[in-house]
C-alpha atoms as a PDB file:
ATOM      1  CA  MET A   1       5.703   5.175  13.859  1.00  0.00           C
ATOM      2  CA  ILE A   2       2.439   3.594  11.703  1.00  0.00           C
ATOM      3  CA  ASP A   3       2.860   0.522   9.489  1.00  0.00           C
ATOM      4  CA  SER A   4       0.673   1.857   6.769  1.00  0.00           C
ATOM      5  CA  HIS A   5       0.536  -1.579   4.762  1.00  0.00           C
ATOM      6  CA  ALA A   6       0.024  -4.742   5.974  1.00  0.00           C
ATOM      7  CA  HIS A   7      -2.421  -7.748   5.246  1.00  0.00           C
ATOM      8  CA  LEU A   8      -4.094 -10.312   6.744  1.00  0.00           C
ATOM      9  CA  TRP A   9      -5.740 -13.623   5.391  1.00  0.00           C
ATOM     10  CA  GLN A  10      -6.826 -17.432   5.699  1.00  0.00           C
ATOM     11  CA  ALA A  11      -5.288 -19.720   3.589  1.00  0.00           C
ATOM     12  CA  GLY A  12      -7.537 -21.377   0.942  1.00  0.00           C
ATOM     13  CA  SER A  13      -9.746 -18.454   1.055  1.00  0.00           C
ATOM     14  CA  LEU A  14     -10.496 -15.844  -1.378  1.00  0.00           C
ATOM     15  CA  GLN A  15      -7.736 -13.918   0.343  1.00  0.00           C
ATOM     16  CA  THR A  16      -5.166 -16.329  -1.119  1.00  0.00           C
ATOM     17  CA  ARG A  17      -6.531 -16.866  -4.359  1.00  0.00           C
ATOM     18  CA  TRP A  18      -4.320 -14.283  -6.357  1.00  0.00           C
ATOM     19  CA  LEU A  19      -1.470 -17.141  -5.364  1.00  0.00           C
ATOM     20  CA  GLU A  20      -3.303 -19.557  -7.836  1.00  0.00           C
ATOM     21  CA  ARG A  21      -2.784 -17.383 -10.522  1.00  0.00           C
ATOM     22  CA  PRO A  22       0.226 -16.708 -12.739  1.00  0.00           C
ATOM     23  CA  PRO A  23       2.776 -15.745 -12.116  1.00  0.00           C
ATOM     24  CA  PHE A  24       2.702 -17.041  -8.534  1.00  0.00           C
ATOM     25  CA  LEU A  25       1.279 -20.346  -9.523  1.00  0.00           C
ATOM     26  CA  GLY A  26       3.666 -23.439  -9.887  1.00  0.00           C
ATOM     27  CA  ASP A  27       6.488 -20.917  -8.354  1.00  0.00           C
ATOM     28  CA  VAL A  28       7.519 -22.617  -4.870  1.00  0.00           C
ATOM     29  CA  ARG A  29       9.323 -19.177  -3.834  1.00  0.00           C
ATOM     30  CA  TRP A  30       5.666 -18.143  -2.817  1.00  0.00           C
ATOM     31  CA  GLN A  31       4.909 -21.245  -1.090  1.00  0.00           C
ATOM     32  CA  PRO A  32       5.273 -19.611   2.382  1.00  0.00           C
ATOM     33  CA  LEU A  33       2.503 -17.459   1.881  1.00  0.00           C
ATOM     34  CA  ARG A  34      -0.147 -20.178   1.228  1.00  0.00           C
ATOM     35  CA  ALA A  35      -0.591 -20.150   5.168  1.00  0.00           C
ATOM     36  CA  SER A  36      -2.969 -17.960   7.265  1.00  0.00           C
ATOM     37  CA  PHE A  37      -1.559 -14.778   8.633  1.00  0.00           C
ATOM     38  CA  THR A  38      -3.895 -13.623  11.895  1.00  0.00           C
ATOM     39  CA  PRO A  39      -4.383 -10.731  13.829  1.00  0.00           C
ATOM     40  CA  ALA A  40      -2.833 -12.093  17.058  1.00  0.00           C
ATOM     41  CA  MET A  41       0.538 -12.643  14.635  1.00  0.00           C
ATOM     42  CA  LEU A  42       0.367  -9.243  13.544  1.00  0.00           C
ATOM     43  CA  ARG A  43      -0.321  -7.614  16.941  1.00  0.00           C
ATOM     44  CA  ARG A  44       2.636  -9.356  18.282  1.00  0.00           C
ATOM     45  CA  LEU A  45       4.895  -7.979  15.564  1.00  0.00           C
ATOM     46  CA  LEU A  46       3.618  -4.436  15.947  1.00  0.00           C
ATOM     47  CA  ALA A  47       4.319  -4.665  19.667  1.00  0.00           C
ATOM     48  CA  GLU A  48       7.781  -5.781  19.106  1.00  0.00           C
ATOM     49  CA  GLN A  49       8.690  -3.108  17.033  1.00  0.00           C
ATOM     50  CA  ARG A  50       7.261  -0.523  19.266  1.00  0.00           C
ATOM     51  CA  LEU A  51       4.580   1.016  16.338  1.00  0.00           C
ATOM     52  CA  GLU A  52       1.611   2.836  16.969  1.00  0.00           C
ATOM     53  CA  GLY A  53      -0.649   0.817  14.497  1.00  0.00           C
ATOM     54  CA  VAL A  54      -1.262  -0.570  11.523  1.00  0.00           C
ATOM     55  CA  VAL A  55      -3.384   0.231   8.074  1.00  0.00           C
ATOM     56  CA  LEU A  56      -4.891  -3.033   6.498  1.00  0.00           C
ATOM     57  CA  VAL A  57      -5.011  -3.327   2.731  1.00  0.00           C
ATOM     58  CA  GLU A  58      -7.230  -5.462   0.872  1.00  0.00           C
ATOM     59  CA  ALA A  59      -5.652  -8.734  -0.548  1.00  0.00           C
ATOM     60  CA  ALA A  60      -8.984  -9.765  -2.470  1.00  0.00           C
ATOM     61  CA  ALA A  61     -11.584  -8.164  -5.010  1.00  0.00           C
ATOM     62  CA  ALA A  62     -14.451  -9.040  -3.352  1.00  0.00           C
ATOM     63  CA  LEU A  63     -16.724  -7.016  -0.617  1.00  0.00           C
ATOM     64  CA  GLU A  64     -16.210  -9.962   1.567  1.00  0.00           C
ATOM     65  CA  GLU A  65     -12.783  -8.836   1.602  1.00  0.00           C
ATOM     66  CA  THR A  66     -13.897  -5.393   2.919  1.00  0.00           C
ATOM     67  CA  GLU A  67     -16.310  -6.720   5.840  1.00  0.00           C
ATOM     68  CA  ALA A  68     -13.433  -8.852   6.874  1.00  0.00           C
ATOM     69  CA  LEU A  69     -11.207  -6.126   7.428  1.00  0.00           C
ATOM     70  CA  LEU A  70     -13.814  -3.834   8.939  1.00  0.00           C
ATOM     71  CA  ALA A  71     -14.401  -6.846  11.249  1.00  0.00           C
ATOM     72  CA  HIS A  72     -10.694  -6.953  12.425  1.00  0.00           C
ATOM     73  CA  ALA A  73     -10.647  -2.944  12.531  1.00  0.00           C
ATOM     74  CA  ALA A  74     -14.104  -3.429  15.096  1.00  0.00           C
ATOM     75  CA  ASP A  75     -11.978  -5.748  16.956  1.00  0.00           C
ATOM     76  CA  ASN A  76      -8.757  -4.513  17.415  1.00  0.00           C
ATOM     77  CA  ALA A  77      -8.007  -1.051  18.378  1.00  0.00           C
ATOM     78  CA  TRP A  78      -4.313  -1.174  17.132  1.00  0.00           C
ATOM     79  CA  VAL A  79      -5.874  -1.134  13.471  1.00  0.00           C
ATOM     80  CA  LEU A  80      -5.922   2.545  12.584  1.00  0.00           C
ATOM     81  CA  GLY A  81      -7.716   2.371   9.500  1.00  0.00           C
ATOM     82  CA  LEU A  82      -8.310  -0.013   6.296  1.00  0.00           C
ATOM     83  CA  VAL A  83      -7.929   0.360   2.983  1.00  0.00           C
ATOM     84  CA  GLY A  84     -10.847  -2.236   1.356  1.00  0.00           C
ATOM     85  CA  TRP A  85     -12.047  -3.190  -2.007  1.00  0.00           C
ATOM     86  CA  LEU A  86     -15.225  -1.496  -3.879  1.00  0.00           C
ATOM     87  CA  PRO A  87     -16.472  -2.316  -7.432  1.00  0.00           C
ATOM     88  CA  LEU A  88     -14.907   0.520  -9.205  1.00  0.00           C
ATOM     89  CA  ALA A  89     -16.085  -0.559 -12.979  1.00  0.00           C
ATOM     90  CA  ASP A  90     -19.454  -0.713 -12.018  1.00  0.00           C
ATOM     91  CA  ALA A  91     -21.094   2.742 -11.353  1.00  0.00           C
ATOM     92  CA  ARG A  92     -24.394   1.167  -9.597  1.00  0.00           C
ATOM     93  CA  ALA A  93     -22.796  -1.283  -7.623  1.00  0.00           C
ATOM     94  CA  PHE A  94     -20.079   1.099  -6.403  1.00  0.00           C
ATOM     95  CA  ASP A  95     -22.495   3.711  -5.542  1.00  0.00           C
ATOM     96  CA  ALA A  96     -24.498   1.130  -3.269  1.00  0.00           C
ATOM     97  CA  ALA A  97     -21.307   0.073  -1.743  1.00  0.00           C
ATOM     98  CA  LEU A  98     -20.181   3.570  -1.168  1.00  0.00           C
ATOM     99  CA  GLN A  99     -23.710   4.236   0.775  1.00  0.00           C
ATOM    100  CA  ARG A 100     -23.191   0.801   2.442  1.00  0.00           C
ATOM    101  CA  TYR A 101     -20.241   1.989   4.077  1.00  0.00           C
ATOM    102  CA  ALA A 102     -20.520   5.688   4.504  1.00  0.00           C
ATOM    103  CA  ASP A 103     -20.767   5.580   8.254  1.00  0.00           C
ATOM    104  CA  ARG A 104     -17.818   2.893   8.646  1.00  0.00           C
ATOM    105  CA  SER A 105     -14.833   5.592   9.777  1.00  0.00           C
ATOM    106  CA  ALA A 106     -12.425   2.685   9.586  1.00  0.00           C
ATOM    107  CA  LEU A 107     -12.684   2.568   5.972  1.00  0.00           C
ATOM    108  CA  VAL A 108     -10.069   4.953   4.934  1.00  0.00           C
ATOM    109  CA  GLY A 109      -9.150   4.260   1.351  1.00  0.00           C
ATOM    110  CA  VAL A 110      -9.917   1.692  -1.561  1.00  0.00           C
ATOM    111  CA  ARG A 111      -7.524  -0.400  -3.495  1.00  0.00           C
ATOM    112  CA  HIS A 112      -8.112  -2.322  -6.957  1.00  0.00           C
ATOM    113  CA  GLN A 113      -5.228  -4.541  -7.793  1.00  0.00           C
ATOM    114  CA  ILE A 114      -4.564  -3.145 -11.492  1.00  0.00           C
ATOM    115  CA  HIS A 115      -1.351  -4.503 -11.829  1.00  0.00           C
ATOM    116  CA  ALA A 116      -3.574  -8.202 -11.949  1.00  0.00           C
ATOM    117  CA  GLU A 117      -5.802  -6.594 -14.474  1.00  0.00           C
ATOM    118  CA  PRO A 118      -4.873  -7.752 -18.197  1.00  0.00           C
ATOM    119  CA  ASP A 119      -5.853  -4.703 -19.789  1.00  0.00           C
ATOM    120  CA  PRO A 120      -2.800  -2.269 -18.315  1.00  0.00           C
ATOM    121  CA  ASP A 121      -4.786   0.471 -18.995  1.00  0.00           C
ATOM    122  CA  TRP A 122      -7.863  -0.439 -17.000  1.00  0.00           C
ATOM    123  CA  VAL A 123      -7.557   2.164 -14.330  1.00  0.00           C
ATOM    124  CA  LEU A 124      -8.109   4.760 -16.838  1.00  0.00           C
ATOM    125  CA  ARG A 125     -11.511   3.668 -18.153  1.00  0.00           C
ATOM    126  CA  ALA A 126     -14.019   6.063 -18.525  1.00  0.00           C
ATOM    127  CA  ALA A 127     -16.307   4.188 -15.525  1.00  0.00           C
ATOM    128  CA  VAL A 128     -13.483   3.880 -13.234  1.00  0.00           C
ATOM    129  CA  VAL A 129     -12.413   7.338 -13.557  1.00  0.00           C
ATOM    130  CA  GLU A 130     -15.926   8.622 -12.794  1.00  0.00           C
ATOM    131  CA  ASN A 131     -16.034   6.182  -9.619  1.00  0.00           C
ATOM    132  CA  LEU A 132     -12.908   7.395  -8.404  1.00  0.00           C
ATOM    133  CA  ASP A 133     -14.079  11.039  -8.663  1.00  0.00           C
ATOM    134  CA  ARG A 134     -17.024   9.665  -6.367  1.00  0.00           C
ATOM    135  CA  LEU A 135     -14.592   8.203  -4.281  1.00  0.00           C
ATOM    136  CA  ALA A 136     -12.671  11.342  -3.993  1.00  0.00           C
ATOM    137  CA  ALA A 137     -15.680  13.431  -2.716  1.00  0.00           C
ATOM    138  CA  ALA A 138     -16.495  10.452  -0.159  1.00  0.00           C
ATOM    139  CA  GLY A 139     -12.968  11.657   1.249  1.00  0.00           C
ATOM    140  CA  LEU A 140     -11.580   8.495   0.633  1.00  0.00           C
ATOM    141  CA  ALA A 141      -8.234   7.387  -0.853  1.00  0.00           C
ATOM    142  CA  PHE A 142      -7.182   5.325  -3.668  1.00  0.00           C
ATOM    143  CA  ASP A 143      -4.277   2.929  -3.323  1.00  0.00           C
ATOM    144  CA  TYR A 144      -2.505   2.369  -6.801  1.00  0.00           C
ATOM    145  CA  VAL A 145      -0.628  -0.823  -6.945  1.00  0.00           C
ATOM    146  CA  GLY A 146       1.637  -0.580 -10.538  1.00  0.00           C
ATOM    147  CA  VAL A 147       4.479  -2.903 -10.943  1.00  0.00           C
ATOM    148  CA  ASN A 148       5.713  -1.453 -14.304  1.00  0.00           C
ATOM    149  CA  LEU A 149       6.436   1.699 -15.964  1.00  0.00           C
ATOM    150  CA  ARG A 150       3.278   1.576 -17.726  1.00  0.00           C
ATOM    151  CA  HIS A 151       1.632   1.800 -14.539  1.00  0.00           C
ATOM    152  CA  LEU A 152       3.875   4.934 -13.382  1.00  0.00           C
ATOM    153  CA  ASP A 153       2.954   6.735 -16.859  1.00  0.00           C
ATOM    154  CA  ASN A 154      -0.805   5.891 -16.173  1.00  0.00           C
ATOM    155  CA  LEU A 155      -0.480   7.222 -12.609  1.00  0.00           C
ATOM    156  CA  ALA A 156       0.255  10.759 -13.722  1.00  0.00           C
ATOM    157  CA  ARG A 157      -2.671  10.409 -16.191  1.00  0.00           C
ATOM    158  CA  LEU A 158      -4.803   9.371 -13.707  1.00  0.00           C
ATOM    159  CA  ALA A 159      -3.635  12.024 -11.476  1.00  0.00           C
ATOM    160  CA  ASP A 160      -4.763  14.700 -13.950  1.00  0.00           C
ATOM    161  CA  ALA A 161      -7.668  13.300 -14.844  1.00  0.00           C
ATOM    162  CA  CYS A 162      -9.050  13.000 -11.101  1.00  0.00           C
ATOM    163  CA  PRO A 163      -7.279  16.274  -9.471  1.00  0.00           C
ATOM    164  CA  ASP A 164      -9.332  15.913  -5.987  1.00  0.00           C
ATOM    165  CA  LEU A 165      -8.389  12.044  -5.765  1.00  0.00           C
ATOM    166  CA  ILE A 166      -5.521  11.342  -3.066  1.00  0.00           C
ATOM    167  CA  ILE A 167      -3.737   8.637  -5.166  1.00  0.00           C
ATOM    168  CA  VAL A 168      -1.177   6.687  -2.520  1.00  0.00           C
ATOM    169  CA  LEU A 169       1.083   4.886  -4.868  1.00  0.00           C
ATOM    170  CA  ASP A 170       2.061   1.385  -3.320  1.00  0.00           C
ATOM    171  CA  HIS A 171       5.641  -0.040  -3.010  1.00  0.00           C
ATOM    172  CA  LEU A 172       7.298   2.873  -4.808  1.00  0.00           C
ATOM    173  CA  ASN A 173       5.909   0.967  -8.178  1.00  0.00           C
ATOM    174  CA  SER A 174       8.248  -1.863  -7.536  1.00  0.00           C
ATOM    175  CA  PRO A 175      11.301  -0.392  -8.467  1.00  0.00           C
ATOM    176  CA  PRO A 176      14.213  -2.650 -10.071  1.00  0.00           C
ATOM    177  CA  ILE A 177      16.331  -2.833  -6.950  1.00  0.00           C
ATOM    178  CA  ALA A 178      17.597  -6.477  -7.644  1.00  0.00           C
ATOM    179  CA  GLU A 179      18.954  -5.174 -10.587  1.00  0.00           C
ATOM    180  CA  GLY A 180      20.523  -1.856  -9.155  1.00  0.00           C
ATOM    181  CA  THR A 181      19.183   0.112 -12.231  1.00  0.00           C
ATOM    182  CA  LEU A 182      17.530   3.539 -11.354  1.00  0.00           C
ATOM    183  CA  ASP A 183      16.524   4.748 -14.929  1.00  0.00           C
ATOM    184  CA  PRO A 184      14.003   4.925 -16.111  1.00  0.00           C
ATOM    185  CA  TRP A 185      12.038   4.292 -13.140  1.00  0.00           C
ATOM    186  CA  ARG A 186      13.405   7.465 -11.645  1.00  0.00           C
ATOM    187  CA  GLN A 187      12.516   9.819 -14.461  1.00  0.00           C
ATOM    188  CA  LYS A 188       8.922   8.295 -14.349  1.00  0.00           C
ATOM    189  CA  LEU A 189       8.572   8.521 -10.462  1.00  0.00           C
ATOM    190  CA  ALA A 190       9.487  11.965 -10.808  1.00  0.00           C
ATOM    191  CA  GLU A 191       6.901  12.832 -13.193  1.00  0.00           C
ATOM    192  CA  ALA A 192       4.371  11.173 -11.337  1.00  0.00           C
ATOM    193  CA  ALA A 193       5.292  12.959  -8.009  1.00  0.00           C
ATOM    194  CA  ARG A 194       5.000  16.606  -9.796  1.00  0.00           C
ATOM    195  CA  ARG A 195       1.322  15.628  -9.306  1.00  0.00           C
ATOM    196  CA  PRO A 196       0.250  17.149  -5.705  1.00  0.00           C
ATOM    197  CA  ASN A 197      -2.518  14.624  -5.081  1.00  0.00           C
ATOM    198  CA  VAL A 198      -0.111  11.837  -5.395  1.00  0.00           C
ATOM    199  CA  VAL A 199       1.715  10.401  -2.216  1.00  0.00           C
ATOM    200  CA  ALA A 200       3.701   7.322  -2.185  1.00  0.00           C
ATOM    201  CA  LYS A 201       4.438   4.403   0.346  1.00  0.00           C
ATOM    202  CA  LEU A 202       8.115   3.331   0.970  1.00  0.00           C
ATOM    203  CA  SER A 203       6.989  -0.637   1.273  1.00  0.00           C
ATOM    204  CA  GLY A 204       7.294  -3.969  -0.291  1.00  0.00           C
ATOM    205  CA  LEU A 205      11.018  -2.955  -1.014  1.00  0.00           C
ATOM    206  CA  GLU A 206      12.162  -6.436   0.397  1.00  0.00           C
ATOM    207  CA  THR A 207      10.716  -8.393  -2.726  1.00  0.00           C
ATOM    208  CA  CYS A 208      12.120  -5.888  -4.781  1.00  0.00           C
ATOM    209  CA  SER A 209      15.488  -6.617  -3.814  1.00  0.00           C
ATOM    210  CA  ASN A 210      17.502 -10.088  -3.983  1.00  0.00           C
ATOM    211  CA  TRP A 211      15.659 -11.881  -1.713  1.00  0.00           C
ATOM    212  CA  ALA A 212      18.701 -13.895  -0.395  1.00  0.00           C
ATOM    213  CA  SER A 213      20.950 -10.747   0.311  1.00  0.00           C
ATOM    214  CA  TRP A 214      19.670  -7.089   0.709  1.00  0.00           C
ATOM    215  CA  SER A 215      20.660  -4.210   2.822  1.00  0.00           C
ATOM    216  CA  LEU A 216      19.900  -0.425   3.328  1.00  0.00           C
ATOM    217  CA  ALA A 217      22.623  -0.016   0.952  1.00  0.00           C
ATOM    218  CA  ASP A 218      20.471  -1.291  -1.953  1.00  0.00           C
ATOM    219  CA  TRP A 219      17.505   0.721  -0.828  1.00  0.00           C
ATOM    220  CA  ARG A 220      19.087   3.623  -0.244  1.00  0.00           C
ATOM    221  CA  PRO A 221      19.267   5.501  -3.794  1.00  0.00           C
ATOM    222  CA  PHE A 222      15.815   4.460  -4.315  1.00  0.00           C
ATOM    223  CA  LEU A 223      14.378   6.050  -1.125  1.00  0.00           C
ATOM    224  CA  ASP A 224      16.508   9.055  -1.191  1.00  0.00           C
ATOM    225  CA  HIS A 225      15.264   9.798  -5.026  1.00  0.00           C
ATOM    226  CA  ALA A 226      11.444   9.205  -3.377  1.00  0.00           C
ATOM    227  CA  LEU A 227      12.221  11.722  -0.957  1.00  0.00           C
ATOM    228  CA  GLU A 228      13.641  14.198  -3.311  1.00  0.00           C
ATOM    229  CA  VAL A 229      10.665  14.331  -5.724  1.00  0.00           C
ATOM    230  CA  PHE A 230       7.931  13.722  -3.071  1.00  0.00           C
ATOM    231  CA  GLY A 231       9.236  15.354   0.042  1.00  0.00           C
ATOM    232  CA  ALA A 232       8.554  14.176   3.432  1.00  0.00           C
ATOM    233  CA  ASP A 233       5.167  15.254   3.591  1.00  0.00           C
ATOM    234  CA  ARG A 234       3.987  13.037   0.925  1.00  0.00           C
ATOM    235  CA  LEU A 235       5.936   9.743   2.113  1.00  0.00           C
ATOM    236  CA  MET A 236       4.665   7.064   4.564  1.00  0.00           C
ATOM    237  CA  LEU A 237       6.382   3.762   5.853  1.00  0.00           C
ATOM    238  CA  GLY A 238       4.702   0.149   5.232  1.00  0.00           C
ATOM    239  CA  SER A 239       6.001  -3.137   5.365  1.00  0.00           C
ATOM    240  CA  ASN A 240       3.759  -5.435   3.326  1.00  0.00           C
ATOM    241  CA  TRP A 241       3.399  -8.004   5.683  1.00  0.00           C
ATOM    242  CA  PRO A 242       3.243 -10.647   5.015  1.00  0.00           C
ATOM    243  CA  VAL A 243       4.804 -10.983   1.806  1.00  0.00           C
ATOM    244  CA  SER A 244       7.728  -9.199   2.916  1.00  0.00           C
ATOM    245  CA  THR A 245       8.240 -11.882   4.678  1.00  0.00           C
ATOM    246  CA  LEU A 246       9.836 -14.259   1.797  1.00  0.00           C
ATOM    247  CA  ALA A 247      12.809 -11.904   1.971  1.00  0.00           C
ATOM    248  CA  GLY A 248      13.435 -11.109   5.414  1.00  0.00           C
ATOM    249  CA  SER A 249      11.621 -10.693   8.797  1.00  0.00           C
ATOM    250  CA  TYR A 250       9.255  -8.005  10.095  1.00  0.00           C
ATOM    251  CA  ALA A 251      12.086  -6.881  12.283  1.00  0.00           C
ATOM    252  CA  ASP A 252      14.641  -6.583   9.410  1.00  0.00           C
ATOM    253  CA  THR A 253      12.102  -4.125   7.555  1.00  0.00           C
ATOM    254  CA  TRP A 254      12.034  -1.838  10.417  1.00  0.00           C
ATOM    255  CA  ARG A 255      15.529  -2.090  11.286  1.00  0.00           C
ATOM    256  CA  ALA A 256      16.024  -0.655   7.856  1.00  0.00           C
ATOM    257  CA  HIS A 257      12.995   2.107   7.871  1.00  0.00           C
ATOM    258  CA  ARG A 258      14.801   3.282  10.756  1.00  0.00           C
ATOM    259  CA  SER A 259      18.348   3.411   9.942  1.00  0.00           C
ATOM    260  CA  TRP A 260      17.206   5.411   6.762  1.00  0.00           C
ATOM    261  CA  LEU A 261      15.205   8.014   8.817  1.00  0.00           C
ATOM    262  CA  ALA A 262      18.179   8.333  11.323  1.00  0.00           C
ATOM    263  CA  GLY A 263      20.082  10.525   8.865  1.00  0.00           C
ATOM    264  CA  LEU A 264      16.531  12.744   8.200  1.00  0.00           C
ATOM    265  CA  SER A 265      16.212  15.901   9.956  1.00  0.00           C
ATOM    266  CA  GLU A 266      13.480  15.650  13.089  1.00  0.00           C
ATOM    267  CA  GLY A 267      10.786  17.265  10.871  1.00  0.00           C
ATOM    268  CA  GLU A 268      11.271  14.742   8.090  1.00  0.00           C
ATOM    269  CA  GLN A 269      11.267  11.928  10.120  1.00  0.00           C
ATOM    270  CA  VAL A 270       8.017  12.475  12.272  1.00  0.00           C
ATOM    271  CA  ALA A 271       6.361  13.219   8.752  1.00  0.00           C
ATOM    272  CA  ILE A 272       7.386   9.693   7.046  1.00  0.00           C
ATOM    273  CA  ALA A 273       7.225   7.709  10.201  1.00  0.00           C
ATOM    274  CA  SER A 274       3.417   8.509  11.013  1.00  0.00           C
ATOM    275  CA  LYS A 275       2.102  12.616  10.112  1.00  0.00           C
ATOM    276  CA  THR A 276       1.627  11.458   6.460  1.00  0.00           C
ATOM    277  CA  ALA A 277      -0.425   8.355   7.007  1.00  0.00           C
ATOM    278  CA  ARG A 278      -2.353  10.072   9.786  1.00  0.00           C
ATOM    279  CA  ARG A 279      -3.288  13.147   7.319  1.00  0.00           C
ATOM    280  CA  VAL A 280      -3.722  11.068   4.288  1.00  0.00           C
ATOM    281  CA  TYR A 281      -5.807   8.472   5.457  1.00  0.00           C
ATOM    282  CA  ARG A 282      -7.331  10.299   8.495  1.00  0.00           C
ATOM    283  CA  LEU A 283      -6.760   7.671  10.938  1.00  0.00           C
ATOM    284  CA  ARG A 284      -8.003   7.201  14.478  1.00  0.00           C
ATOM    285  CA  PRO A 285      -5.783   7.545  17.193  1.00  0.00           C
ATOM    286  CA  ALA A 286      -3.221   5.072  18.262  1.00  0.00           C
ATOM    287  CA  VAL A 287      -3.771   2.903  21.357  1.00  0.00           C
ATOM    288  CA  ASP A 288      -1.494   1.264  23.560  1.00  0.00           C
ATOM    289  CA  TYR A 289      -0.988  -2.726  23.132  1.00  0.00           C
END
């Protein structure tokens, strides 16, 4: 079983600048994340949950973040791969960065925090689409972090514009679990899932739920729908640690994941637990702790 989505950061660094912008700035609920979350902390959690390893994901739009993640991967064999950041809006800078990291096999994907862009259609800009085509040619996946219905609409458009690009939808596009309303999220997710180059992470659902009180029963309709429209071969598990800790422990997350998987076939369990992540991200072999 692989955690396909976790972060590491140092408090007060560029990695936590996102907490100093609205809507997080001034919201005391996010205060626990203004701390350092280290490799040693994550390694212990992975071992406790008997996970094979983790895919680290960028938390800052800077090449320094990619360098930091590469360093973590070099120092820790349980980091099976990383999703870094590259300057997708700048063709010259993007090509230079892509060449710079061409021989760094730990880099398995790229993410840009499109949900933080003032322009909700940023990802569809011509320059970005052209660079995403180059990303696909380099064999790297693109993590897509959406939070609203417009982002889901744009996901389908992007998948059509870049048919060779594997797009990994983070956190199921933050479904309205706390509200308990499936539609229109349900229809729009199904539309995006019709594109064969889109896969999805079952991750980050804790903070989409009622933080103080959630259970698998709250998640189940959303997880079941994702399975119906994507199939097990296009789903993977993740934690979104440490953001997930705002609404529960790491153990809580994996207890819910395992309980849901228990009701699926053996083939579905294997695919969602590890096989999809290994295929999509071309992950290096797991190791013992």
